[in-house]
Amino acid sequence: MADDGAVRKKRTFKKFMFRGVDLETLYDMSHEEFSEKINARQRRRMMRGLKRKCNTLMTRLTKAKKAAAPGERPEGVKTHVRSMIIVPEMIGSVVGVYNGKVFNGIEIKPEMVGHYLGEFSITYKPVRHGRPGIGSTNSSRFIPLK
């Protein structure tokens, strides 16, 4: 315990791997090679081709990334395309995903690759179970309301 201050181990971080592929090779993959690594539903969608809305979002994201200074967060891009599959080119971008009411800002991280944008912008407000209100039990019927 006394030597703890003198010999300090440097903290090592776990290197990100996606299905056995590291991040650098993920960036270099084509869409066909990447689609072989993702789940069947997403693979089928990628094989049928990305639609115009998805391509528009991709171009806006790359434009926002180029406009940002190196090491800075890029400007957020708002979108309604919740069904967009997150691909490696999107990593580091900021996307405002519409949930039906507001745009939730999401910074795309490597762990999100292969998922849909909509998975990270919840569309409902989770139920918060509190105390029961008036009329919830039979005994509460006889309480005068004043």
N, C-alpha and C. Protein backbone atom coordinates (compact mmCIF):
# COMPACT_ATOMS: atom_id res chain seq x y z
N MET A 1 0.81 -1.19 0.00
CA MET A 1 0.00 0.00 0.00
C MET A 1 0.86 1.26 0.00
N ALA A 2 2.04 1.20 0.63
CA ALA A 2 2.90 2.38 0.70
C ALA A 2 3.50 2.70 -0.67
N ASP A 3 3.72 1.65 -1.49
CA ASP A 3 4.31 1.85 -2.82
C ASP A 3 3.27 2.26 -3.86
N ASP A 4 2.03 2.34 -3.47
CA ASP A 4 0.95 2.64 -4.41
C ASP A 4 1.14 3.98 -5.12
N GLY A 5 1.62 4.98 -4.39
CA GLY A 5 1.83 6.30 -4.99
C GLY A 5 3.02 6.33 -5.93
N ALA A 6 4.05 5.55 -5.63
CA ALA A 6 5.26 5.57 -6.44
C ALA A 6 5.08 4.80 -7.75
N VAL A 7 4.50 3.62 -7.67
CA VAL A 7 4.32 2.80 -8.87
C VAL A 7 2.83 2.86 -9.25
N ARG A 8 2.50 3.77 -10.10
CA ARG A 8 1.10 3.97 -10.52
C ARG A 8 0.92 3.34 -11.90
N LYS A 9 0.01 2.40 -12.01
CA LYS A 9 -0.24 1.76 -13.31
C LYS A 9 -1.00 2.70 -14.21
N LYS A 10 -0.62 2.74 -15.47
CA LYS A 10 -1.35 3.54 -16.44
C LYS A 10 -2.61 2.79 -16.84
N ARG A 11 -3.72 3.51 -16.86
CA ARG A 11 -5.00 2.88 -17.17
C ARG A 11 -5.11 2.59 -18.67
N THR A 12 -5.43 1.35 -19.00
CA THR A 12 -5.58 0.98 -20.40
C THR A 12 -7.06 0.82 -20.72
N PHE A 13 -7.45 1.31 -21.88
CA PHE A 13 -8.84 1.23 -22.30
C PHE A 13 -9.00 0.06 -23.26
N LYS A 14 -10.17 -0.54 -23.18
CA LYS A 14 -10.47 -1.66 -24.07
C LYS A 14 -10.66 -1.15 -25.48
N LYS A 15 -9.98 -1.77 -26.43
CA LYS A 15 -10.08 -1.37 -27.83
C LYS A 15 -11.43 -1.83 -28.38
N PHE A 16 -12.11 -0.94 -29.12
CA PHE A 16 -13.43 -1.26 -29.65
C PHE A 16 -13.32 -2.24 -30.81
N MET A 17 -14.12 -3.30 -30.72
CA MET A 17 -14.19 -4.29 -31.79
C MET A 17 -15.67 -4.51 -32.14
N PHE A 18 -15.98 -4.52 -33.42
CA PHE A 18 -17.34 -4.80 -33.88
C PHE A 18 -17.32 -6.12 -34.63
N ARG A 19 -17.85 -7.16 -34.01
CA ARG A 19 -17.89 -8.51 -34.60
C ARG A 19 -16.51 -8.95 -35.08
N GLY A 20 -15.49 -8.69 -34.27
CA GLY A 20 -14.13 -9.11 -34.58
C GLY A 20 -13.36 -8.18 -35.49
N VAL A 21 -13.90 -7.01 -35.80
CA VAL A 21 -13.24 -6.05 -36.69
C VAL A 21 -12.99 -4.76 -35.90
N ASP A 22 -11.75 -4.25 -35.96
CA ASP A 22 -11.47 -3.02 -35.22
C ASP A 22 -11.97 -1.79 -35.98
N LEU A 23 -11.95 -0.65 -35.30
CA LEU A 23 -12.59 0.56 -35.81
C LEU A 23 -11.95 1.07 -37.11
N GLU A 24 -10.63 0.97 -37.22
CA GLU A 24 -9.94 1.48 -38.43
C GLU A 24 -10.36 0.71 -39.68
N THR A 25 -10.45 -0.61 -39.57
CA THR A 25 -10.87 -1.39 -40.74
C THR A 25 -12.36 -1.22 -41.02
N LEU A 26 -13.15 -0.92 -39.97
CA LEU A 26 -14.57 -0.64 -40.18
C LEU A 26 -14.76 0.59 -41.06
N TYR A 27 -13.93 1.63 -40.81
CA TYR A 27 -14.01 2.85 -41.62
C TYR A 27 -13.69 2.58 -43.09
N ASP A 28 -12.77 1.67 -43.34
CA ASP A 28 -12.33 1.39 -44.71
C ASP A 28 -13.24 0.43 -45.47
N MET A 29 -14.18 -0.22 -44.77
CA MET A 29 -15.06 -1.19 -45.42
C MET A 29 -16.05 -0.51 -46.36
N SER A 30 -16.41 -1.24 -47.42
CA SER A 30 -17.49 -0.77 -48.29
C SER A 30 -18.82 -1.15 -47.64
N HIS A 31 -19.92 -0.64 -48.20
CA HIS A 31 -21.23 -0.95 -47.64
C HIS A 31 -21.54 -2.45 -47.75
N GLU A 32 -21.08 -3.10 -48.83
CA GLU A 32 -21.33 -4.53 -49.00
C GLU A 32 -20.58 -5.34 -47.95
N GLU A 33 -19.31 -4.99 -47.70
CA GLU A 33 -18.52 -5.70 -46.69
C GLU A 33 -19.10 -5.47 -45.29
N PHE A 34 -19.54 -4.24 -45.03
CA PHE A 34 -20.11 -3.93 -43.72
C PHE A 34 -21.43 -4.66 -43.51
N SER A 35 -22.22 -4.79 -44.58
CA SER A 35 -23.52 -5.43 -44.44
C SER A 35 -23.39 -6.92 -44.11
N GLU A 36 -22.24 -7.53 -44.42
CA GLU A 36 -22.02 -8.93 -44.06
C GLU A 36 -21.82 -9.10 -42.56
N LYS A 37 -21.46 -8.01 -41.86
CA LYS A 37 -21.17 -8.07 -40.42
C LYS A 37 -22.39 -7.77 -39.54
N ILE A 38 -23.46 -7.22 -40.10
CA ILE A 38 -24.59 -6.81 -39.28
C ILE A 38 -25.69 -7.87 -39.29
N ASN A 39 -26.73 -7.65 -38.50
CA ASN A 39 -27.82 -8.62 -38.37
C ASN A 39 -28.61 -8.74 -39.68
N ALA A 40 -29.41 -9.81 -39.77
CA ALA A 40 -30.10 -10.16 -41.02
C ALA A 40 -31.07 -9.07 -41.48
N ARG A 41 -31.85 -8.49 -40.56
CA ARG A 41 -32.83 -7.47 -40.94
C ARG A 41 -32.12 -6.24 -41.52
N GLN A 42 -31.05 -5.79 -40.86
CA GLN A 42 -30.31 -4.64 -41.35
C GLN A 42 -29.56 -4.99 -42.65
N ARG A 43 -29.07 -6.22 -42.74
CA ARG A 43 -28.35 -6.65 -43.95
C ARG A 43 -29.28 -6.63 -45.15
N ARG A 44 -30.50 -7.11 -44.97
CA ARG A 44 -31.48 -7.12 -46.06
C ARG A 44 -31.77 -5.70 -46.53
N ARG A 45 -31.92 -4.79 -45.59
CA ARG A 45 -32.20 -3.39 -45.93
C ARG A 45 -31.03 -2.76 -46.68
N MET A 46 -29.79 -3.06 -46.23
CA MET A 46 -28.61 -2.51 -46.90
C MET A 46 -28.46 -3.08 -48.31
N MET A 47 -28.76 -4.36 -48.48
CA MET A 47 -28.64 -4.99 -49.79
C MET A 47 -29.66 -4.43 -50.78
N ARG A 48 -30.84 -4.02 -50.28
CA ARG A 48 -31.85 -3.44 -51.16
C ARG A 48 -31.54 -1.99 -51.50
N GLY A 49 -30.51 -1.44 -50.87
CA GLY A 49 -30.06 -0.08 -51.20
C GLY A 49 -30.60 0.96 -50.24
N LEU A 50 -29.78 1.99 -49.98
CA LEU A 50 -30.22 3.08 -49.13
C LEU A 50 -31.10 4.02 -49.94
N LYS A 51 -32.18 4.45 -49.35
CA LYS A 51 -33.13 5.32 -50.04
C LYS A 51 -32.62 6.76 -50.06
N ARG A 52 -33.36 7.62 -50.76
CA ARG A 52 -32.95 9.00 -50.95
C ARG A 52 -32.84 9.78 -49.64
N LYS A 53 -33.79 9.54 -48.73
CA LYS A 53 -33.76 10.24 -47.45
C LYS A 53 -32.52 9.89 -46.65
N CYS A 54 -32.13 8.61 -46.69
CA CYS A 54 -30.93 8.17 -45.97
C CYS A 54 -29.67 8.77 -46.59
N ASN A 55 -29.63 8.81 -47.92
CA ASN A 55 -28.47 9.39 -48.60
C ASN A 55 -28.36 10.89 -48.33
N THR A 56 -29.49 11.59 -48.27
CA THR A 56 -29.49 13.01 -47.96
C THR A 56 -28.95 13.25 -46.55
N LEU A 57 -29.36 12.41 -45.61
CA LEU A 57 -28.86 12.52 -44.24
C LEU A 57 -27.36 12.28 -44.19
N MET A 58 -26.89 11.28 -44.94
CA MET A 58 -25.45 10.98 -44.96
C MET A 58 -24.64 12.16 -45.51
N THR A 59 -25.12 12.79 -46.59
CA THR A 59 -24.39 13.92 -47.16
C THR A 59 -24.38 15.11 -46.20
N ARG A 60 -25.50 15.34 -45.51
CA ARG A 60 -25.56 16.44 -44.54
C ARG A 60 -24.63 16.18 -43.36
N LEU A 61 -24.52 14.92 -42.93
CA LEU A 61 -23.63 14.57 -41.83
C LEU A 61 -22.16 14.76 -42.21
N THR A 62 -21.80 14.33 -43.42
CA THR A 62 -20.41 14.50 -43.86
C THR A 62 -20.07 15.98 -44.03
N LYS A 63 -21.03 16.77 -44.51
CA LYS A 63 -20.82 18.20 -44.67
C LYS A 63 -20.61 18.87 -43.30
N ALA A 64 -21.41 18.47 -42.31
CA ALA A 64 -21.27 19.02 -40.96
C ALA A 64 -19.95 18.62 -40.33
N LYS A 65 -19.49 17.39 -40.61
CA LYS A 65 -18.21 16.93 -40.07
C LYS A 65 -17.05 17.71 -40.67
N LYS A 66 -17.12 17.98 -41.97
CA LYS A 66 -16.04 18.72 -42.64
C LYS A 66 -16.00 20.17 -42.18
N ALA A 67 -17.16 20.74 -41.89
CA ALA A 67 -17.22 22.14 -41.46
C ALA A 67 -16.68 22.33 -40.05
N ALA A 68 -16.72 21.29 -39.22
CA ALA A 68 -16.25 21.39 -37.84
C ALA A 68 -14.73 21.39 -37.80
N ALA A 69 -14.18 22.11 -36.81
CA ALA A 69 -12.73 22.12 -36.62
C ALA A 69 -12.28 20.75 -36.11
N PRO A 70 -11.03 20.37 -36.40
CA PRO A 70 -10.54 19.07 -35.91
C PRO A 70 -10.57 19.01 -34.38
N GLY A 71 -11.12 17.92 -33.86
CA GLY A 71 -11.23 17.76 -32.41
C GLY A 71 -12.48 18.37 -31.81
N GLU A 72 -13.27 19.07 -32.61
CA GLU A 72 -14.51 19.70 -32.13
C GLU A 72 -15.71 18.84 -32.50
N ARG A 73 -16.81 19.02 -31.74
CA ARG A 73 -18.05 18.33 -32.09
C ARG A 73 -18.69 19.01 -33.29
N PRO A 74 -19.12 18.23 -34.27
CA PRO A 74 -19.78 18.86 -35.43
C PRO A 74 -21.16 19.39 -35.06
N GLU A 75 -21.67 20.26 -35.91
CA GLU A 75 -23.01 20.82 -35.73
C GLU A 75 -24.04 19.70 -35.87
N GLY A 76 -25.09 19.78 -35.09
CA GLY A 76 -26.13 18.75 -35.13
C GLY A 76 -26.97 18.84 -36.39
N VAL A 77 -27.39 17.70 -36.89
CA VAL A 77 -28.24 17.61 -38.08
C VAL A 77 -29.57 17.02 -37.64
N LYS A 78 -30.66 17.77 -37.85
CA LYS A 78 -31.98 17.28 -37.46
C LYS A 78 -32.55 16.38 -38.54
N THR A 79 -33.24 15.32 -38.10
CA THR A 79 -33.81 14.39 -39.07
C THR A 79 -35.05 13.70 -38.50
N HIS A 80 -35.93 13.29 -39.42
CA HIS A 80 -37.09 12.48 -39.08
C HIS A 80 -36.83 11.02 -39.43
N VAL A 81 -35.70 10.71 -40.05
CA VAL A 81 -35.40 9.36 -40.54
C VAL A 81 -34.94 8.49 -39.37
N ARG A 82 -35.90 7.93 -38.64
CA ARG A 82 -35.60 7.08 -37.50
C ARG A 82 -35.14 5.69 -37.93
N SER A 83 -35.47 5.32 -39.17
CA SER A 83 -35.17 3.97 -39.66
C SER A 83 -33.79 3.87 -40.29
N MET A 84 -32.98 4.91 -40.17
CA MET A 84 -31.63 4.88 -40.74
C MET A 84 -30.73 3.97 -39.92
N ILE A 85 -30.03 3.07 -40.58
CA ILE A 85 -29.08 2.18 -39.92
C ILE A 85 -27.78 2.95 -39.71
N ILE A 86 -27.25 2.91 -38.52
CA ILE A 86 -26.01 3.63 -38.21
C ILE A 86 -24.85 2.87 -38.83
N VAL A 87 -24.12 3.56 -39.71
CA VAL A 87 -22.97 2.99 -40.41
C VAL A 87 -21.70 3.66 -39.87
N PRO A 88 -20.53 3.05 -40.09
CA PRO A 88 -19.29 3.59 -39.50
C PRO A 88 -18.96 5.03 -39.89
N GLU A 89 -19.39 5.50 -41.07
CA GLU A 89 -19.08 6.88 -41.47
C GLU A 89 -19.77 7.91 -40.57
N MET A 90 -20.81 7.48 -39.86
CA MET A 90 -21.58 8.39 -39.02
C MET A 90 -20.96 8.59 -37.63
N ILE A 91 -19.98 7.79 -37.28
CA ILE A 91 -19.39 7.85 -35.93
C ILE A 91 -18.80 9.24 -35.69
N GLY A 92 -19.13 9.82 -34.55
CA GLY A 92 -18.64 11.15 -34.18
C GLY A 92 -19.60 12.26 -34.56
N SER A 93 -20.61 11.97 -35.36
CA SER A 93 -21.59 12.98 -35.76
C SER A 93 -22.62 13.19 -34.66
N VAL A 94 -23.30 14.34 -34.74
CA VAL A 94 -24.39 14.63 -33.82
C VAL A 94 -25.67 14.70 -34.64
N VAL A 95 -26.66 13.88 -34.26
CA VAL A 95 -27.91 13.79 -35.01
C VAL A 95 -29.06 14.13 -34.07
N GLY A 96 -29.96 15.00 -34.52
CA GLY A 96 -31.19 15.28 -33.79
C GLY A 96 -32.29 14.41 -34.34
N VAL A 97 -32.67 13.37 -33.60
CA VAL A 97 -33.67 12.41 -34.08
C VAL A 97 -35.03 12.80 -33.52
N TYR A 98 -36.02 12.92 -34.39
CA TYR A 98 -37.36 13.35 -34.01
C TYR A 98 -38.10 12.19 -33.35
N ASN A 99 -38.75 12.47 -32.21
CA ASN A 99 -39.48 11.40 -31.51
C ASN A 99 -40.99 11.63 -31.55
N GLY A 100 -41.45 12.56 -32.37
CA GLY A 100 -42.86 12.86 -32.47
C GLY A 100 -43.20 14.17 -31.80
N LYS A 101 -42.30 14.67 -30.98
CA LYS A 101 -42.53 15.93 -30.27
C LYS A 101 -41.32 16.86 -30.37
N VAL A 102 -40.14 16.35 -30.06
CA VAL A 102 -38.91 17.15 -30.09
C VAL A 102 -37.80 16.36 -30.78
N PHE A 103 -36.71 17.05 -31.11
CA PHE A 103 -35.53 16.42 -31.68
C PHE A 103 -34.56 16.10 -30.55
N ASN A 104 -34.29 14.83 -30.32
CA ASN A 104 -33.34 14.42 -29.29
C ASN A 104 -31.95 14.36 -29.88
N GLY A 105 -31.03 15.16 -29.33
CA GLY A 105 -29.65 15.18 -29.82
C GLY A 105 -28.90 13.93 -29.40
N ILE A 106 -28.32 13.24 -30.37
CA ILE A 106 -27.60 12.00 -30.11
C ILE A 106 -26.22 12.10 -30.74
N GLU A 107 -25.18 11.86 -29.92
CA GLU A 107 -23.83 11.78 -30.47
C GLU A 107 -23.56 10.32 -30.79
N ILE A 108 -23.19 10.04 -32.02
CA ILE A 108 -23.05 8.66 -32.45
C ILE A 108 -21.70 8.11 -32.04
N LYS A 109 -21.74 7.00 -31.30
CA LYS A 109 -20.54 6.34 -30.78
C LYS A 109 -20.34 5.01 -31.51
N PRO A 110 -19.14 4.46 -31.46
CA PRO A 110 -18.88 3.20 -32.18
C PRO A 110 -19.79 2.04 -31.76
N GLU A 111 -20.23 2.03 -30.50
CA GLU A 111 -21.07 0.94 -30.03
C GLU A 111 -22.45 0.95 -30.68
N MET A 112 -22.84 2.06 -31.29
CA MET A 112 -24.16 2.19 -31.90
C MET A 112 -24.22 1.65 -33.32
N VAL A 113 -23.10 1.27 -33.88
CA VAL A 113 -23.04 0.81 -35.27
C VAL A 113 -23.93 -0.42 -35.45
N GLY A 114 -24.74 -0.41 -36.51
CA GLY A 114 -25.62 -1.54 -36.81
C GLY A 114 -27.01 -1.39 -36.25
N HIS A 115 -27.22 -0.40 -35.36
CA HIS A 115 -28.55 -0.16 -34.79
C HIS A 115 -29.27 0.90 -35.62
N TYR A 116 -30.56 1.09 -35.33
CA TYR A 116 -31.33 2.14 -35.98
C TYR A 116 -31.24 3.42 -35.17
N LEU A 117 -31.36 4.57 -35.83
CA LEU A 117 -31.35 5.86 -35.12
C LEU A 117 -32.50 5.95 -34.13
N GLY A 118 -33.66 5.41 -34.50
CA GLY A 118 -34.84 5.49 -33.65
C GLY A 118 -34.70 4.78 -32.32
N GLU A 119 -33.76 3.85 -32.20
CA GLU A 119 -33.56 3.13 -30.95
C GLU A 119 -33.04 4.03 -29.84
N PHE A 120 -32.45 5.15 -30.21
CA PHE A 120 -31.81 6.04 -29.24
C PHE A 120 -32.64 7.29 -28.96
N SER A 121 -33.84 7.36 -29.53
CA SER A 121 -34.75 8.48 -29.29
C SER A 121 -36.11 7.91 -28.93
N ILE A 122 -36.39 7.77 -27.65
CA ILE A 122 -37.59 7.11 -27.17
C ILE A 122 -38.82 7.95 -27.49
N THR A 123 -39.88 7.29 -27.95
CA THR A 123 -41.07 8.02 -28.44
C THR A 123 -42.14 8.19 -27.37
N TYR A 124 -41.97 7.58 -26.23
CA TYR A 124 -42.97 7.70 -25.17
C TYR A 124 -42.30 8.08 -23.86
N LYS A 125 -43.11 8.59 -22.95
CA LYS A 125 -42.60 8.93 -21.64
C LYS A 125 -42.84 7.74 -20.73
N PRO A 126 -41.80 7.14 -20.17
CA PRO A 126 -42.00 5.95 -19.33
C PRO A 126 -42.91 6.24 -18.14
N VAL A 127 -43.72 5.26 -17.76
CA VAL A 127 -44.66 5.40 -16.67
C VAL A 127 -43.91 5.50 -15.36
N ARG A 128 -44.26 6.51 -14.56
CA ARG A 128 -43.69 6.66 -13.22
C ARG A 128 -44.77 6.30 -12.23
N HIS A 129 -44.65 5.14 -11.61
CA HIS A 129 -45.66 4.66 -10.68
C HIS A 129 -45.50 5.37 -9.34
N GLY A 130 -46.53 6.13 -8.96
CA GLY A 130 -46.49 6.86 -7.70
C GLY A 130 -47.62 6.40 -6.80
N ARG A 131 -48.12 7.32 -6.01
CA ARG A 131 -49.23 6.99 -5.12
C ARG A 131 -50.52 6.93 -5.92
N PRO A 132 -51.45 6.05 -5.51
CA PRO A 132 -52.72 5.96 -6.23
C PRO A 132 -53.57 7.21 -6.02
N GLY A 133 -54.36 7.55 -7.00
CA GLY A 133 -55.19 8.74 -6.94
C GLY A 133 -56.56 8.43 -6.36
N ILE A 134 -57.44 9.42 -6.40
CA ILE A 134 -58.79 9.27 -5.87
C ILE A 134 -59.58 8.32 -6.77
N GLY A 135 -60.31 7.40 -6.15
CA GLY A 135 -61.13 6.45 -6.90
C GLY A 135 -60.42 5.19 -7.28
N SER A 136 -59.17 5.01 -6.83
CA SER A 136 -58.43 3.82 -7.20
C SER A 136 -58.83 2.61 -6.38
N THR A 137 -59.38 2.83 -5.16
CA THR A 137 -59.84 1.71 -4.33
C THR A 137 -61.27 1.98 -3.88
N ASN A 138 -61.93 0.94 -3.41
CA ASN A 138 -63.32 1.08 -2.97
C ASN A 138 -63.45 1.99 -1.74
N SER A 139 -62.47 1.94 -0.84
CA SER A 139 -62.57 2.74 0.39
C SER A 139 -62.41 4.22 0.12
N SER A 140 -61.77 4.57 -0.98
CA SER A 140 -61.54 5.99 -1.26
C SER A 140 -62.79 6.68 -1.81
N ARG A 141 -63.84 5.89 -2.12
CA ARG A 141 -65.07 6.50 -2.64
C ARG A 141 -65.81 7.32 -1.58
N PHE A 142 -65.63 6.93 -0.30
CA PHE A 142 -66.38 7.55 0.77
C PHE A 142 -65.68 8.76 1.37
N ILE A 143 -64.56 9.18 0.80
CA ILE A 143 -63.85 10.37 1.29
C ILE A 143 -64.54 11.59 0.69
N PRO A 144 -65.00 12.53 1.51
CA PRO A 144 -65.64 13.73 0.95
C PRO A 144 -64.64 14.56 0.14
N LEU A 145 -65.04 15.07 -1.01
CA LEU A 145 -64.16 15.84 -1.89
C LEU A 145 -64.06 17.31 -1.49
N LYS A 146 -64.97 17.79 -0.62
CA LYS A 146 -65.01 19.17 -0.13
C LYS A 146 -65.27 20.13 -1.26
